[in-house]
Structures are given as structure tokens and as C-alpha cells.
C-alpha atoms as a PDB file:
ATOM      1  CA  UNK A   1      20.497  30.627 -51.568  1.00  0.00           C
ATOM      2  CA  UNK A   2      22.764  28.218 -52.685  1.00  0.00           C
ATOM      3  CA  UNK A   3      20.371  25.921 -52.743  1.00  0.00           C
ATOM      4  CA  UNK A   4      17.983  28.044 -54.261  1.00  0.00           C
ATOM      5  CA  UNK A   5      20.152  28.419 -57.414  1.00  0.00           C
ATOM      6  CA  UNK A   6      20.971  24.449 -57.605  1.00  0.00           C
ATOM      7  CA  UNK A   7      16.924  24.607 -58.045  1.00  0.00           C
ATOM      8  CA  UNK A   8      16.829  27.140 -60.187  1.00  0.00           C
ATOM      9  CA  UNK A   9      19.201  25.219 -62.081  1.00  0.00           C
ATOM     10  CA  UNK A  10      17.587  21.845 -62.394  1.00  0.00           C
ATOM     11  CA  UNK A  11      14.174  23.983 -62.941  1.00  0.00           C
ATOM     12  CA  UNK A  12      15.247  25.800 -66.147  1.00  0.00           C
ATOM     13  CA  UNK A  13      17.513  22.383 -67.256  1.00  0.00           C
ATOM     14  CA  UNK A  14      13.663  20.538 -67.218  1.00  0.00           C
ATOM     15  CA  UNK A  15      12.443  23.546 -69.313  1.00  0.00           C
ATOM     16  CA  UNK A  16      15.350  23.951 -71.684  1.00  0.00           C
ATOM     17  CA  UNK A  17      14.843  20.781 -72.892  1.00  0.00           C
ATOM     18  CA  UNK A  18      11.344  21.979 -74.588  1.00  0.00           C
ATOM     19  CA  UNK A  19      12.026  25.415 -75.600  1.00  0.00           C
ATOM     20  CA  UNK A  20      14.844  27.551 -76.235  1.00  0.00           C
ATOM     21  CA  UNK A  21      12.873  30.053 -76.107  1.00  0.00           C
ATOM     22  CA  UNK A  22      14.384  33.367 -74.588  1.00  0.00           C
ATOM     23  CA  UNK A  23      11.163  35.477 -73.383  1.00  0.00           C
ATOM     24  CA  UNK A  24      12.154  38.880 -72.234  1.00  0.00           C
ATOM     25  CA  UNK A  25       8.305  39.246 -70.527  1.00  0.00           C
ATOM     26  CA  UNK A  26       6.883  36.988 -67.378  1.00  0.00           C
ATOM     27  CA  UNK A  27       3.242  37.441 -66.894  1.00  0.00           C
ATOM     28  CA  UNK A  28       1.139  36.164 -63.931  1.00  0.00           C
ATOM     29  CA  UNK A  29      -2.437  35.603 -64.116  1.00  0.00           C
ATOM     30  CA  UNK A  30      -4.902  35.676 -61.512  1.00  0.00           C
ATOM     31  CA  UNK A  31      -7.713  34.620 -60.290  1.00  0.00           C
ATOM     32  CA  UNK A  32     -10.162  34.956 -63.682  1.00  0.00           C
ATOM     33  CA  UNK A  33      -7.411  35.932 -66.157  1.00  0.00           C
ATOM     34  CA  UNK A  34      -6.108  33.140 -67.632  1.00  0.00           C
ATOM     35  CA  UNK A  35      -7.829  33.820 -70.307  1.00  0.00           C
ATOM     36  CA  UNK A  36      -4.828  35.695 -72.178  1.00  0.00           C
ATOM     37  CA  UNK A  37      -3.430  32.142 -73.249  1.00  0.00           C
ATOM     38  CA  UNK A  38      -6.065  32.262 -75.902  1.00  0.00           C
ATOM     39  CA  UNK A  39      -3.938  34.833 -77.590  1.00  0.00           C
ATOM     40  CA  UNK A  40      -0.267  33.864 -77.130  1.00  0.00           C
ATOM     41  CA  UNK A  41       1.260  31.946 -80.190  1.00  0.00           C
ATOM     42  CA  UNK A  42       1.972  29.231 -78.161  1.00  0.00           C
ATOM     43  CA  UNK A  43       5.229  27.228 -78.859  1.00  0.00           C
ATOM     44  CA  UNK A  44       5.287  24.928 -75.569  1.00  0.00           C
ATOM     45  CA  UNK A  45       3.282  23.960 -72.874  1.00  0.00           C
ATOM     46  CA  UNK A  46       4.748  22.986 -69.603  1.00  0.00           C
ATOM     47  CA  UNK A  47       2.774  21.340 -66.443  1.00  0.00           C
ATOM     48  CA  UNK A  48       4.018  22.661 -63.622  1.00  0.00           C
ATOM     49  CA  UNK A  49       4.148  19.241 -61.841  1.00  0.00           C
ATOM     50  CA  UNK A  50       6.287  18.073 -64.442  1.00  0.00           C
ATOM     51  CA  UNK A  51       9.030  20.980 -63.635  1.00  0.00           C
ATOM     52  CA  UNK A  52      11.301  20.393 -60.875  1.00  0.00           C
ATOM     53  CA  UNK A  53      10.630  22.826 -57.451  1.00  0.00           C
ATOM     54  CA  UNK A  54       7.794  24.299 -58.777  1.00  0.00           C
ATOM     55  CA  UNK A  55       4.556  24.192 -56.536  1.00  0.00           C
ATOM     56  CA  UNK A  56       1.579  23.288 -57.675  1.00  0.00           C
ATOM     57  CA  UNK A  57      -1.925  25.298 -57.655  1.00  0.00           C
ATOM     58  CA  UNK A  58      -4.236  23.707 -54.493  1.00  0.00           C
ATOM     59  CA  UNK A  59      -7.075  26.747 -55.820  1.00  0.00           C
ATOM     60  CA  UNK A  60      -9.677  25.453 -58.410  1.00  0.00           C
ATOM     61  CA  UNK A  61      -9.888  28.382 -60.423  1.00  0.00           C
ATOM     62  CA  UNK A  62      -5.892  28.393 -61.030  1.00  0.00           C
ATOM     63  CA  UNK A  63      -4.843  26.620 -63.727  1.00  0.00           C
ATOM     64  CA  UNK A  64      -1.076  24.928 -63.389  1.00  0.00           C
ATOM     65  CA  UNK A  65       0.631  25.997 -67.117  1.00  0.00           C
ATOM     66  CA  UNK A  66       3.626  27.553 -68.078  1.00  0.00           C
ATOM     67  CA  UNK A  67       3.260  28.680 -71.183  1.00  0.00           C
ATOM     68  CA  UNK A  68       6.154  29.770 -73.723  1.00  0.00           C
ATOM     69  CA  UNK A  69       4.743  31.980 -77.090  1.00  0.00           C
ATOM     70  CA  UNK A  70       4.193  34.976 -78.624  1.00  0.00           C
ATOM     71  CA  UNK A  71       2.068  37.972 -77.905  1.00  0.00           C
ATOM     72  CA  UNK A  72       1.984  41.412 -79.551  1.00  0.00           C
ATOM     73  CA  UNK A  73       4.850  40.273 -81.421  1.00  0.00           C
ATOM     74  CA  UNK A  74       7.198  39.925 -78.124  1.00  0.00           C
ATOM     75  CA  UNK A  75       8.461  36.475 -76.476  1.00  0.00           C
ATOM     76  CA  UNK A  76       6.574  35.607 -73.756  1.00  0.00           C
ATOM     77  CA  UNK A  77       6.677  33.467 -71.182  1.00  0.00           C
ATOM     78  CA  UNK A  78       2.930  33.286 -68.694  1.00  0.00           C
ATOM     79  CA  UNK A  79       2.169  31.626 -65.891  1.00  0.00           C
ATOM     80  CA  UNK A  80      -1.470  30.339 -65.897  1.00  0.00           C
ATOM     81  CA  UNK A  81      -2.270  29.980 -62.255  1.00  0.00           C
ATOM     82  CA  UNK A  82      -0.040  31.531 -59.502  1.00  0.00           C
ATOM     83  CA  UNK A  83       0.500  30.269 -56.128  1.00  0.00           C
ATOM     84  CA  UNK A  84      -0.445  31.688 -52.752  1.00  0.00           C
ATOM     85  CA  UNK A  85       1.145  32.031 -48.602  1.00  0.00           C
ATOM     86  CA  UNK A  86      -2.596  30.255 -47.739  1.00  0.00           C
ATOM     87  CA  UNK A  87      -1.973  26.761 -49.994  1.00  0.00           C
ATOM     88  CA  UNK A  88       0.828  26.245 -47.139  1.00  0.00           C
ATOM     89  CA  UNK A  89       3.824  27.356 -49.505  1.00  0.00           C
ATOM     90  CA  UNK A  90       6.255  28.706 -48.298  1.00  0.00           C
ATOM     91  CA  UNK A  91       7.281  32.608 -49.828  1.00  0.00           C
ATOM     92  CA  UNK A  92      10.529  31.021 -51.405  1.00  0.00           C
ATOM     93  CA  UNK A  93       7.696  28.558 -52.854  1.00  0.00           C
ATOM     94  CA  UNK A  94       5.662  31.331 -53.665  1.00  0.00           C
ATOM     95  CA  UNK A  95       7.906  33.723 -55.932  1.00  0.00           C
ATOM     96  CA  UNK A  96      10.212  30.223 -56.881  1.00  0.00           C
ATOM     97  CA  UNK A  97       8.920  31.004 -60.613  1.00  0.00           C
ATOM     98  CA  UNK A  98       9.793  34.547 -60.563  1.00  0.00           C
ATOM     99  CA  UNK A  99      13.610  33.332 -59.481  1.00  0.00           C
ATOM    100  CA  UNK A 100      13.567  31.118 -62.743  1.00  0.00           C
ATOM    101  CA  UNK A 101      12.084  33.478 -64.860  1.00  0.00           C
ATOM    102  CA  UNK A 102      14.602  36.444 -64.244  1.00  0.00           C
ATOM    103  CA  UNK A 103      18.024  34.255 -63.249  1.00  0.00           C
ATOM    104  CA  UNK A 104      17.153  31.247 -65.748  1.00  0.00           C
ATOM    105  CA  UNK A 105      15.287  32.713 -69.003  1.00  0.00           C
ATOM    106  CA  UNK A 106      16.656  36.088 -68.330  1.00  0.00           C
ATOM    107  CA  UNK A 107      13.131  37.545 -68.490  1.00  0.00           C
ATOM    108  CA  UNK A 108      13.198  41.197 -67.526  1.00  0.00           C
ATOM    109  CA  UNK A 109       9.624  42.847 -67.592  1.00  0.00           C
ATOM    110  CA  UNK A 110       7.222  41.279 -64.406  1.00  0.00           C
ATOM    111  CA  UNK A 111       2.983  41.700 -65.443  1.00  0.00           C
ATOM    112  CA  UNK A 112       1.013  40.581 -63.017  1.00  0.00           C
ATOM    113  CA  UNK A 113      -2.898  40.862 -62.575  1.00  0.00           C
ATOM    114  CA  UNK A 114      -5.072  39.633 -59.376  1.00  0.00           C
ATOM    115  CA  UNK A 115      -8.142  39.973 -58.378  1.00  0.00           C
ATOM    116  CA  UNK A 116      -8.910  42.361 -55.604  1.00  0.00           C
ATOM    117  CA  UNK A 117     -11.789  43.391 -52.796  1.00  0.00           C
ATOM    118  CA  UNK A 118     -12.361  47.322 -53.830  1.00  0.00           C
ATOM    119  CA  UNK A 119     -12.130  49.767 -50.728  1.00  0.00           C
ATOM    120  CA  UNK A 120     -11.944  53.004 -51.944  1.00  0.00           C
ATOM    121  CA  UNK A 121     -15.982  54.155 -52.642  1.00  0.00           C
ATOM    122  CA  UNK A 122     -15.251  55.479 -55.726  1.00  0.00           C
ATOM    123  CA  UNK A 123     -14.144  51.970 -56.879  1.00  0.00           C
ATOM    124  CA  UNK A 124     -16.767  49.548 -58.932  1.00  0.00           C
ATOM    125  CA  UNK A 125     -16.791  45.719 -59.087  1.00  0.00           C
ATOM    126  CA  UNK A 126     -15.419  45.570 -62.124  1.00  0.00           C
ATOM    127  CA  UNK A 127     -12.982  48.091 -62.858  1.00  0.00           C
ATOM    128  CA  UNK A 128      -9.899  47.765 -63.630  1.00  0.00           C
ATOM    129  CA  UNK A 129      -7.313  49.049 -61.111  1.00  0.00           C
ATOM    130  CA  UNK A 130      -3.160  49.731 -61.736  1.00  0.00           C
ATOM    131  CA  UNK A 131      -0.936  48.826 -58.644  1.00  0.00           C
ATOM    132  CA  UNK A 132       0.591  51.949 -58.013  1.00  0.00           C
ATOM    133  CA  UNK A 133       2.300  50.807 -55.021  1.00  0.00           C
ATOM    134  CA  UNK A 134       1.627  48.422 -52.081  1.00  0.00           C
ATOM    135  CA  UNK A 135       1.340  47.265 -48.048  1.00  0.00           C
ATOM    136  CA  UNK A 136       2.544  44.075 -47.030  1.00  0.00           C
ATOM    137  CA  UNK A 137       0.782  42.969 -44.388  1.00  0.00           C
ATOM    138  CA  UNK A 138       1.397  38.718 -44.901  1.00  0.00           C
ATOM    139  CA  UNK A 139       3.762  38.278 -41.763  1.00  0.00           C
ATOM    140  CA  UNK A 140       6.703  36.697 -44.001  1.00  0.00           C
ATOM    141  CA  UNK A 141       9.020  38.110 -46.293  1.00  0.00           C
ATOM    142  CA  UNK A 142      10.491  35.823 -49.222  1.00  0.00           C
ATOM    143  CA  UNK A 143      14.531  37.677 -48.802  1.00  0.00           C
ATOM    144  CA  UNK A 144      13.964  36.694 -45.185  1.00  0.00           C
ATOM    145  CA  UNK A 145      17.127  34.196 -45.092  1.00  0.00           C
ATOM    146  CA  UNK A 146      20.893  34.199 -45.988  1.00  0.00           C
ATOM    147  CA  UNK A 147      21.072  36.523 -49.259  1.00  0.00           C
ATOM    148  CA  UNK A 148      22.780  35.441 -52.287  1.00  0.00           C
ATOM    149  CA  UNK A 149      24.229  39.075 -53.777  1.00  0.00           C
ATOM    150  CA  UNK A 150      23.932  37.219 -57.467  1.00  0.00           C
ATOM    151  CA  UNK A 151      20.845  37.472 -57.554  1.00  0.00           C
ATOM    152  CA  UNK A 152      20.303  40.497 -55.656  1.00  0.00           C
ATOM    153  CA  UNK A 153      20.709  42.824 -52.765  1.00  0.00           C
ATOM    154  CA  UNK A 154      21.212  42.152 -48.939  1.00  0.00           C
ATOM    155  CA  UNK A 155      18.713  45.513 -49.026  1.00  0.00           C
ATOM    156  CA  UNK A 156      16.736  46.007 -52.443  1.00  0.00           C
ATOM    157  CA  UNK A 157      15.068  49.507 -52.336  1.00  0.00           C
ATOM    158  CA  UNK A 158      11.066  49.445 -52.762  1.00  0.00           C
ATOM    159  CA  UNK A 159      11.092  53.272 -53.518  1.00  0.00           C
ATOM    160  CA  UNK A 160       9.286  51.803 -56.702  1.00  0.00           C
ATOM    161  CA  UNK A 161       7.974  48.547 -56.402  1.00  0.00           C
ATOM    162  CA  UNK A 162       5.816  49.323 -59.738  1.00  0.00           C
ATOM    163  CA  UNK A 163       7.516  51.120 -63.095  1.00  0.00           C
ATOM    164  CA  UNK A 164       6.600  54.495 -63.771  1.00  0.00           C
ATOM    165  CA  UNK A 165       7.610  54.352 -67.202  1.00  0.00           C
ATOM    166  CA  UNK A 166       5.640  51.212 -67.352  1.00  0.00           C
ATOM    167  CA  UNK A 167       2.704  52.823 -65.867  1.00  0.00           C
ATOM    168  CA  UNK A 168       2.336  55.450 -67.850  1.00  0.00           C
ATOM    169  CA  UNK A 169       2.078  53.157 -70.936  1.00  0.00           C
ATOM    170  CA  UNK A 170      -0.903  50.792 -69.391  1.00  0.00           C
ATOM    171  CA  UNK A 171      -2.510  54.610 -68.186  1.00  0.00           C
ATOM    172  CA  UNK A 172      -2.137  55.623 -72.058  1.00  0.00           C
ATOM    173  CA  UNK A 173      -3.633  52.445 -73.603  1.00  0.00           C
ATOM    174  CA  UNK A 174      -6.476  52.681 -71.067  1.00  0.00           C
ATOM    175  CA  UNK A 175      -6.673  56.553 -72.243  1.00  0.00           C
ATOM    176  CA  UNK A 176      -6.340  55.087 -76.291  1.00  0.00           C
ATOM    177  CA  UNK A 177      -8.534  52.717 -76.344  1.00  0.00           C
ATOM    178  CA  UNK A 178     -10.863  54.630 -74.163  1.00  0.00           C
ATOM    179  CA  UNK A 179     -11.156  52.040 -71.028  1.00  0.00           C
ATOM    180  CA  UNK A 180     -11.332  54.101 -67.597  1.00  0.00           C
ATOM    181  CA  UNK A 181      -8.961  52.380 -65.380  1.00  0.00           C
ATOM    182  CA  UNK A 182      -8.382  53.638 -61.468  1.00  0.00           C
ATOM    183  CA  UNK A 183      -5.276  53.071 -59.389  1.00  0.00           C
ATOM    184  CA  UNK A 184      -4.335  52.609 -56.194  1.00  0.00           C
ATOM    185  CA  UNK A 185      -2.611  50.830 -53.565  1.00  0.00           C
ATOM    186  CA  UNK A 186      -2.826  47.050 -52.758  1.00  0.00           C
ATOM    187  CA  UNK A 187      -2.328  45.839 -49.897  1.00  0.00           C
ATOM    188  CA  UNK A 188      -1.804  42.235 -49.570  1.00  0.00           C
ATOM    189  CA  UNK A 189      -3.043  39.655 -46.213  1.00  0.00           C
ATOM    190  CA  UNK A 190      -2.432  36.084 -45.655  1.00  0.00           C
ATOM    191  CA  UNK A 191      -6.349  35.082 -45.807  1.00  0.00           C
ATOM    192  CA  UNK A 192      -8.011  32.618 -46.733  1.00  0.00           C
ATOM    193  CA  UNK A 193     -11.193  34.065 -44.971  1.00  0.00           C
ATOM    194  CA  UNK A 194     -11.868  37.414 -46.330  1.00  0.00           C
ATOM    195  CA  UNK A 195     -11.668  40.508 -43.711  1.00  0.00           C
ATOM    196  CA  UNK A 196     -13.929  41.712 -41.538  1.00  0.00           C
ATOM    197  CA  UNK A 197     -16.410  45.053 -41.573  1.00  0.00           C
ATOM    198  CA  UNK A 198     -13.413  46.095 -39.280  1.00  0.00           C
ATOM    199  CA  UNK A 199     -10.702  44.634 -40.951  1.00  0.00           C
ATOM    200  CA  UNK A 200     -11.573  46.440 -44.009  1.00  0.00           C
ATOM    201  CA  UNK A 201     -11.669  49.856 -42.309  1.00  0.00           C
ATOM    202  CA  UNK A 202      -8.365  49.272 -40.689  1.00  0.00           C
ATOM    203  CA  UNK A 203      -7.344  48.282 -44.024  1.00  0.00           C
ATOM    204  CA  UNK A 204      -8.992  51.477 -45.496  1.00  0.00           C
ATOM    205  CA  UNK A 205      -6.917  54.039 -42.855  1.00  0.00           C
ATOM    206  CA  UNK A 206      -4.108  52.589 -43.588  1.00  0.00           C
ATOM    207  CA  UNK A 207      -3.874  53.751 -46.867  1.00  0.00           C
ATOM    208  CA  UNK A 208      -5.190  50.843 -49.160  1.00  0.00           C
ATOM    209  CA  UNK A 209      -7.447  50.851 -52.677  1.00  0.00           C
ATOM    210  CA  UNK A 210      -7.737  47.042 -52.420  1.00  0.00           C
ATOM    211  CA  UNK A 211      -7.045  43.963 -50.568  1.00  0.00           C
ATOM    212  CA  UNK A 212      -6.178  40.277 -52.075  1.00  0.00           C
ATOM    213  CA  UNK A 213      -3.834  37.289 -51.216  1.00  0.00           C
ATOM    214  CA  UNK A 214      -1.269  37.583 -53.865  1.00  0.00           C
ATOM    215  CA  UNK A 215       1.586  39.789 -55.642  1.00  0.00           C
ATOM    216  CA  UNK A 216       3.081  41.226 -53.260  1.00  0.00           C
ATOM    217  CA  UNK A 217       5.632  38.290 -52.681  1.00  0.00           C
ATOM    218  CA  UNK A 218       6.302  38.002 -56.378  1.00  0.00           C
ATOM    219  CA  UNK A 219       6.808  41.400 -56.567  1.00  0.00           C
ATOM    220  CA  UNK A 220       9.480  42.400 -53.685  1.00  0.00           C
ATOM    221  CA  UNK A 221      11.279  39.090 -55.681  1.00  0.00           C
ATOM    222  CA  UNK A 222      11.116  40.963 -58.839  1.00  0.00           C
ATOM    223  CA  UNK A 223      12.305  43.787 -57.654  1.00  0.00           C
ATOM    224  CA  UNK A 224      15.078  42.084 -55.789  1.00  0.00           C
ATOM    225  CA  UNK A 225      16.395  40.821 -58.700  1.00  0.00           C
ATOM    226  CA  UNK A 226      16.464  44.092 -61.061  1.00  0.00           C
ATOM    227  CA  UNK A 227      13.032  43.556 -63.050  1.00  0.00           C
ATOM    228  CA  UNK A 228      11.118  45.973 -63.837  1.00  0.00           C
ATOM    229  CA  UNK A 229       7.170  45.674 -63.151  1.00  0.00           C
ATOM    230  CA  UNK A 230       3.513  46.720 -64.072  1.00  0.00           C
ATOM    231  CA  UNK A 231       0.306  44.875 -61.991  1.00  0.00           C
ATOM    232  CA  UNK A 232      -3.264  45.507 -62.439  1.00  0.00           C
ATOM    233  CA  UNK A 233      -6.490  44.341 -59.899  1.00  0.00           C
ATOM    234  CA  UNK A 234      -9.458  43.296 -60.961  1.00  0.00           C
ATOM    235  CA  UNK A 235     -11.830  44.297 -58.498  1.00  0.00           C
ATOM    236  CA  UNK A 236     -14.034  41.735 -58.120  1.00  0.00           C
ATOM    237  CA  UNK A 237     -16.338  42.442 -55.184  1.00  0.00           C
ATOM    238  CA  UNK A 238     -16.972  45.816 -52.788  1.00  0.00           C
ATOM    239  CA  UNK A 239     -15.923  45.661 -49.333  1.00  0.00           C
ATOM    240  CA  UNK A 240     -17.184  49.209 -47.863  1.00  0.00           C
ATOM    241  CA  UNK A 241     -17.921  48.491 -43.788  1.00  0.00           C
ATOM    242  CA  UNK A 242     -21.682  49.782 -43.609  1.00  0.00           C
ATOM    243  CA  UNK A 243     -22.992  47.901 -46.957  1.00  0.00           C
ATOM    244  CA  UNK A 244     -21.184  44.670 -46.925  1.00  0.00           C
ATOM    245  CA  UNK A 245     -22.707  41.392 -48.276  1.00  0.00           C
ATOM    246  CA  UNK A 246     -21.061  38.111 -48.902  1.00  0.00           C
ATOM    247  CA  UNK A 247     -18.751  37.565 -51.109  1.00  0.00           C
ATOM    248  CA  UNK A 248     -19.514  34.176 -52.851  1.00  0.00           C
ATOM    249  CA  UNK A 249     -16.748  33.109 -55.343  1.00  0.00           C
ATOM    250  CA  UNK A 250     -18.353  32.011 -58.197  1.00  0.00           C
ATOM    251  CA  UNK A 251     -19.660  35.360 -58.148  1.00  0.00           C
ATOM    252  CA  UNK A 252     -15.652  37.018 -57.474  1.00  0.00           C
ATOM    253  CA  UNK A 253     -14.550  34.493 -60.612  1.00  0.00           C
ATOM    254  CA  UNK A 254     -17.892  35.707 -63.238  1.00  0.00           C
ATOM    255  CA  UNK A 255     -16.980  39.995 -61.695  1.00  0.00           C
ATOM    256  CA  UNK A 256     -13.410  38.802 -62.878  1.00  0.00           C
ATOM    257  CA  UNK A 257     -13.917  36.672 -66.400  1.00  0.00           C
ATOM    258  CA  UNK A 258     -17.115  39.471 -67.265  1.00  0.00           C
ATOM    259  CA  UNK A 259     -13.601  42.284 -66.699  1.00  0.00           C
ATOM    260  CA  UNK A 260     -10.762  40.087 -68.394  1.00  0.00           C
ATOM    261  CA  UNK A 261     -11.500  41.065 -72.171  1.00  0.00           C
ATOM    262  CA  UNK A 262     -10.822  44.916 -70.840  1.00  0.00           C
ATOM    263  CA  UNK A 263      -7.700  43.481 -68.974  1.00  0.00           C
ATOM    264  CA  UNK A 264      -6.524  41.218 -71.617  1.00  0.00           C
ATOM    265  CA  UNK A 265      -6.789  44.272 -74.188  1.00  0.00           C
ATOM    266  CA  UNK A 266      -4.794  46.311 -71.977  1.00  0.00           C
ATOM    267  CA  UNK A 267      -2.095  44.098 -71.292  1.00  0.00           C
ATOM    268  CA  UNK A 268      -1.793  42.859 -75.108  1.00  0.00           C
ATOM    269  CA  UNK A 269      -0.862  46.842 -76.135  1.00  0.00           C
ATOM    270  CA  UNK A 270       0.946  47.240 -73.295  1.00  0.00           C
ATOM    271  CA  UNK A 271       3.001  44.482 -74.227  1.00  0.00           C
ATOM    272  CA  UNK A 272       3.131  45.687 -77.775  1.00  0.00           C
ATOM    273  CA  UNK A 273       4.219  48.867 -76.729  1.00  0.00           C
ATOM    274  CA  UNK A 274       7.251  47.296 -74.270  1.00  0.00           C
ATOM    275  CA  UNK A 275      10.712  48.420 -75.413  1.00  0.00           C
END
């Protein structure tokens, strides 16, 4: 952990050479959801591979830029592209940007989005789901190892990983905009393969509504560092075992792109209403 703090310091030192902004809101944009950056009044854009200790995304649908600017009147830092456990990175590497956001830049609130497979039969492709809770089936945890109490407690409480106050704001925003949203539980699996029929049945029986390969590590670290968190899933494919069809990456990205304007509209208004 002491080495981690040194790495955070080195990353922030580089960032501070390019911007003095002090964003209070951090945003992680998932598959097909990078378009929100068009609405950010950009002050500074940094490439991941230029920032010390930042991993580099190897997924074709993910860019690799850290963007500083203003959105809905608030100073934000946005990750256009994220990292995944299945890329071969450690959990500590996957979550390093969140550490840098909070410990180095002072970010207090994290907004995070992903593309996910829908297992709840009431959900459909293109739906937006507010994440109310999650299940970690990644087989690892970013907090394993020595703990630095200056970053967060040894045993962080996870009774409210997704902040109720922010969920209420997002629900009201969607209601005001007449944009229907779902609510449910996200389960994270290692990937990169999609699940079998039997696995979808298993995950649904566990109580999950959607499944994906990201988000949970970042949220665990955000909670560890006492950040407020709001999570969104775009349901890009329907994972119903009895009528399962092959899922194609191009189709998944197309669905995410088509749903993106709705999520962008909600996220912009949520940012505006955060106090």
C-alpha cells in the first residue's frame, strides 16, 4: 500500500503539470458510452499511456483518455475507456484510476456505467438500469493485501455501495424527462467469454438482474475511499436461457450506442443536481 501511495503521487504529479482543475465528480464510461465526452467543455485531455502507472485499455471499443472539463456547470474528470480483470491486469491496476481520482485529485462522487446482459425477463435490449446493488463473482477483490488506513478502513461496510441519495436523484431525473429506467442488481463475472445457458440460470437464481465484466472492483475501491457512487447499466443483449441467441460484439456496441443519448441526458442532469 505504501508503494501504491507513491504511484498515486507520481500519477497526480504528471496530471498537475497539465491541469490545476479540482474536479468533485469522476465519471467512468463503459462500452459504447464514450459519447458523453462531447458534452464536456474540455480543458485538458491526457492519454492513459502518458500517465505514470495507468494501465492501457486493450479492448477495441474503449478509448484511452482522461478528460478534464466542465459538465452541467460542474468540474469533472472522465475516463473514456476503462480496464478489465480479463485483460490480465490485477485488481489494483484496474482500480488505480479511482484511487488517483480520490486520493490525488479530491473527487468525492463517482458515476460509473457499463454494458450488461439482461437476465430479468422484464428487461429488454436498450433499457437503462440503475444499479441498486451488486454481487462480486470475479474471484478476486482489490482490497486484498495490506491495508493503508489513510486510504480507507480494513473492513469497509458495503450495506450501501450505491448511494441512495444519488439513486433518488437519478430516478427523479428520469421521471422528469419521461425516460423509463429499470432498477436492479448487477453481477460481475471474470469473462471474457459470455455465459452458458446454465450459468445464466445460476446467476439469475442468485438474485442478479444483469451480468457484466466490470464496475464492481471500481465501486469497492470507491466505497473503501468513502466516495459516493451511482451506477448505470445499458442492457445490450437479452440473456434468457430458454430463448438464448448468440450475442455479437458489433450488435452489443450498436445497442449501447443507440441507448447512449438517453443515458447521456440522464447523467448530465444528475451532475447538474448533485450538491
